[in-house]
Amino acid sequence: DALYVTGTTSYKGEAADAKLHDLCTYDVCAVTMRLSASDGSVDWMRTLEGSPRWNFFDQTGDIRLASNEDGPYVYVALDDAGENGVVTLDGGTSYAGCKGEDGTLTPEYMVNRNKVVTSEDC
């Protein structure tokens, strides 16, 4: 029920041709997101500093879902992102999860792997 995609806020991977994006706090960002396959709405989006250079002959990266044996993970490779040092995946939409009375946070993929978790699921 979901579509996973990667992208960029820039065509050439440079600030000169970057587009403004509310979830990108850098000059240029690489983007990974999950969209609803039924209506195209954004389930979540992660942004990180740097960007693939989206030329005609460049490799831009890939996104894959883990196998059932690996767990509920999304693996992403973004060419050219992070070339200037360590980058964080903490940019973008907030992570979802359920917070217990003792303060323990259970990530959404451990609550329900088939949909975006809302407060009603906790």
C-alpha atoms as a PDB file:
ATOM      1  CA  ASP A   1       0.000   0.000   0.000  1.00  0.00           C
ATOM      2  CA  ALA A   2       3.036   2.290  -0.079  1.00  0.00           C
ATOM      3  CA  LEU A   3       5.512   3.630  -2.586  1.00  0.00           C
ATOM      4  CA  TYR A   4       9.089   4.407  -1.478  1.00  0.00           C
ATOM      5  CA  VAL A   5      11.036   7.011  -3.471  1.00  0.00           C
ATOM      6  CA  THR A   6      14.251   9.006  -3.342  1.00  0.00           C
ATOM      7  CA  GLY A   7      14.829  12.440  -4.797  1.00  0.00           C
ATOM      8  CA  THR A   8      16.560  15.760  -4.385  1.00  0.00           C
ATOM      9  CA  THR A   9      15.765  19.443  -3.972  1.00  0.00           C
ATOM     10  CA  SER A  10      18.198  20.274  -6.800  1.00  0.00           C
ATOM     11  CA  TYR A  11      18.653  19.125 -10.377  1.00  0.00           C
ATOM     12  CA  LYS A  12      22.441  19.465 -10.496  1.00  0.00           C
ATOM     13  CA  GLY A  13      23.113  18.868  -6.798  1.00  0.00           C
ATOM     14  CA  GLU A  14      24.097  22.492  -6.253  1.00  0.00           C
ATOM     15  CA  ALA A  15      22.619  25.353  -4.251  1.00  0.00           C
ATOM     16  CA  ALA A  16      22.425  27.488  -7.401  1.00  0.00           C
ATOM     17  CA  ASP A  17      19.486  25.497  -8.785  1.00  0.00           C
ATOM     18  CA  ALA A  18      17.960  24.280  -5.492  1.00  0.00           C
ATOM     19  CA  LYS A  19      14.254  24.546  -4.808  1.00  0.00           C
ATOM     20  CA  LEU A  20      12.959  25.764  -1.450  1.00  0.00           C
ATOM     21  CA  HIS A  21      11.546  22.986   0.690  1.00  0.00           C
ATOM     22  CA  ASP A  22      10.140  23.370   4.203  1.00  0.00           C
ATOM     23  CA  LEU A  23      11.715  20.112   5.418  1.00  0.00           C
ATOM     24  CA  CYS A  24      15.208  20.857   4.044  1.00  0.00           C
ATOM     25  CA  THR A  25      17.266  23.085   6.340  1.00  0.00           C
ATOM     26  CA  TYR A  26      20.367  23.014   4.086  1.00  0.00           C
ATOM     27  CA  ASP A  27      21.204  24.547   0.711  1.00  0.00           C
ATOM     28  CA  VAL A  28      20.498  21.218  -0.966  1.00  0.00           C
ATOM     29  CA  CYS A  29      18.905  18.017   0.359  1.00  0.00           C
ATOM     30  CA  ALA A  30      18.544  14.424  -0.680  1.00  0.00           C
ATOM     31  CA  VAL A  31      15.045  13.149   0.043  1.00  0.00           C
ATOM     32  CA  THR A  32      13.671   9.722   0.959  1.00  0.00           C
ATOM     33  CA  MET A  33       9.940   9.300   1.443  1.00  0.00           C
ATOM     34  CA  ARG A  34       7.026   6.921   1.670  1.00  0.00           C
ATOM     35  CA  LEU A  35       3.859   7.827  -0.217  1.00  0.00           C
ATOM     36  CA  SER A  36       0.418   6.303   0.076  1.00  0.00           C
ATOM     37  CA  ALA A  37      -0.173   4.106  -2.968  1.00  0.00           C
ATOM     38  CA  SER A  38      -3.906   4.819  -2.803  1.00  0.00           C
ATOM     39  CA  ASP A  39      -3.988   8.626  -2.738  1.00  0.00           C
ATOM     40  CA  GLY A  40      -0.370   9.852  -3.091  1.00  0.00           C
ATOM     41  CA  SER A  41      -0.242  11.545   0.316  1.00  0.00           C
ATOM     42  CA  VAL A  42       3.117  11.675   2.099  1.00  0.00           C
ATOM     43  CA  ASP A  43       3.334   9.168   4.965  1.00  0.00           C
ATOM     44  CA  TRP A  44       6.825  10.338   5.961  1.00  0.00           C
ATOM     45  CA  MET A  45       9.799  12.148   4.478  1.00  0.00           C
ATOM     46  CA  ARG A  46      13.434  12.205   5.609  1.00  0.00           C
ATOM     47  CA  THR A  47      15.882  14.796   4.325  1.00  0.00           C
ATOM     48  CA  LEU A  48      19.642  14.939   4.622  1.00  0.00           C
ATOM     49  CA  GLU A  49      22.316  17.411   3.628  1.00  0.00           C
ATOM     50  CA  GLY A  50      23.747  16.907   0.163  1.00  0.00           C
ATOM     51  CA  SER A  51      22.205  15.673  -3.000  1.00  0.00           C
ATOM     52  CA  PRO A  52      22.711  13.290  -5.874  1.00  0.00           C
ATOM     53  CA  ARG A  53      23.729  15.156  -9.013  1.00  0.00           C
ATOM     54  CA  TRP A  54      20.775  14.382 -11.247  1.00  0.00           C
ATOM     55  CA  ASN A  55      22.627  14.389 -14.556  1.00  0.00           C
ATOM     56  CA  PHE A  56      21.720  12.162 -17.451  1.00  0.00           C
ATOM     57  CA  PHE A  57      24.741   9.891 -16.892  1.00  0.00           C
ATOM     58  CA  ASP A  58      24.976   9.902 -13.098  1.00  0.00           C
ATOM     59  CA  GLN A  59      23.918   7.162 -10.697  1.00  0.00           C
ATOM     60  CA  THR A  60      21.554   8.762  -8.225  1.00  0.00           C
ATOM     61  CA  GLY A  61      21.018   6.029  -5.653  1.00  0.00           C
ATOM     62  CA  ASP A  62      18.533   3.362  -4.739  1.00  0.00           C
ATOM     63  CA  ILE A  63      15.934   2.461  -2.120  1.00  0.00           C
ATOM     64  CA  ARG A  64      15.048  -1.060  -0.977  1.00  0.00           C
ATOM     65  CA  LEU A  65      12.919  -2.666   1.684  1.00  0.00           C
ATOM     66  CA  ALA A  66      14.544  -5.209   3.962  1.00  0.00           C
ATOM     67  CA  SER A  67      13.583  -8.847   3.777  1.00  0.00           C
ATOM     68  CA  ASN A  68      11.323 -10.304   6.455  1.00  0.00           C
ATOM     69  CA  GLU A  69      14.385 -11.884   8.071  1.00  0.00           C
ATOM     70  CA  ASP A  70      16.098  -8.476   8.427  1.00  0.00           C
ATOM     71  CA  GLY A  71      13.154  -6.660   9.975  1.00  0.00           C
ATOM     72  CA  PRO A  72      11.042  -3.629   9.093  1.00  0.00           C
ATOM     73  CA  TYR A  73      13.794  -1.451   7.649  1.00  0.00           C
ATOM     74  CA  VAL A  74      14.260   0.741   4.609  1.00  0.00           C
ATOM     75  CA  TYR A  75      17.746   0.783   3.072  1.00  0.00           C
ATOM     76  CA  VAL A  76      18.730   3.856   1.101  1.00  0.00           C
ATOM     77  CA  ALA A  77      21.829   4.652  -0.960  1.00  0.00           C
ATOM     78  CA  LEU A  78      22.165   8.241  -2.166  1.00  0.00           C
ATOM     79  CA  ASP A  79      25.056   8.977  -4.474  1.00  0.00           C
ATOM     80  CA  ASP A  80      27.001  12.156  -3.579  1.00  0.00           C
ATOM     81  CA  ALA A  81      25.123  12.812  -0.310  1.00  0.00           C
ATOM     82  CA  GLY A  82      27.434  13.105   2.679  1.00  0.00           C
ATOM     83  CA  GLU A  83      30.536  13.823   0.589  1.00  0.00           C
ATOM     84  CA  ASN A  84      31.593  16.585   2.946  1.00  0.00           C
ATOM     85  CA  GLY A  85      31.242  14.690   6.214  1.00  0.00           C
ATOM     86  CA  VAL A  86      28.739  12.897   8.392  1.00  0.00           C
ATOM     87  CA  VAL A  87      25.075  13.692   7.773  1.00  0.00           C
ATOM     88  CA  THR A  88      22.000  12.999   9.883  1.00  0.00           C
ATOM     89  CA  LEU A  89      18.691  11.413   8.914  1.00  0.00           C
ATOM     90  CA  ASP A  90      16.882  13.415  11.577  1.00  0.00           C
ATOM     91  CA  GLY A  91      15.609  16.000   9.094  1.00  0.00           C
ATOM     92  CA  GLY A  92      12.120  15.853   7.651  1.00  0.00           C
ATOM     93  CA  THR A  93       8.860  14.738   9.173  1.00  0.00           C
ATOM     94  CA  SER A  94       8.762  13.491  12.729  1.00  0.00           C
ATOM     95  CA  TYR A  95       9.084   9.821  13.529  1.00  0.00           C
ATOM     96  CA  ALA A  96       5.897   8.176  14.779  1.00  0.00           C
ATOM     97  CA  GLY A  97       5.601   5.898  17.755  1.00  0.00           C
ATOM     98  CA  CYS A  98       3.736   5.221  20.967  1.00  0.00           C
ATOM     99  CA  LYS A  99       4.954   6.502  24.313  1.00  0.00           C
ATOM    100  CA  GLY A 100       4.126   4.301  27.293  1.00  0.00           C
ATOM    101  CA  GLU A 101       3.224   5.548  30.766  1.00  0.00           C
ATOM    102  CA  ASP A 102       6.786   4.767  31.870  1.00  0.00           C
ATOM    103  CA  GLY A 103       8.170   6.983  29.077  1.00  0.00           C
ATOM    104  CA  THR A 104       9.267   4.098  26.855  1.00  0.00           C
ATOM    105  CA  LEU A 105       8.893   4.847  23.156  1.00  0.00           C
ATOM    106  CA  THR A 106       7.790   2.050  20.833  1.00  0.00           C
ATOM    107  CA  PRO A 107       8.586   2.922  17.187  1.00  0.00           C
ATOM    108  CA  GLU A 108       5.685   2.796  14.733  1.00  0.00           C
ATOM    109  CA  TYR A 109       7.077  -0.196  12.846  1.00  0.00           C
ATOM    110  CA  MET A 110       6.751  -2.245  16.048  1.00  0.00           C
ATOM    111  CA  VAL A 111       3.150  -1.086  16.562  1.00  0.00           C
ATOM    112  CA  ASN A 112       1.821  -1.666  13.044  1.00  0.00           C
ATOM    113  CA  ARG A 113       3.937  -2.446   9.986  1.00  0.00           C
ATOM    114  CA  ASN A 114       1.065  -2.004   7.548  1.00  0.00           C
ATOM    115  CA  LYS A 115       0.042   1.624   8.048  1.00  0.00           C
ATOM    116  CA  VAL A 116       1.123   4.976   9.424  1.00  0.00           C
ATOM    117  CA  VAL A 117       0.554   4.900  13.189  1.00  0.00           C
ATOM    118  CA  THR A 118      -1.724   7.498  14.768  1.00  0.00           C
ATOM    119  CA  SER A 119      -2.488   8.208  18.419  1.00  0.00           C
ATOM    120  CA  GLU A 120      -5.538   5.916  18.203  1.00  0.00           C
ATOM    121  CA  ASP A 121      -3.160   2.964  17.633  1.00  0.00           C
ATOM    122  CA  CYS A 122      -1.308   3.488  20.929  1.00  0.00           C
END
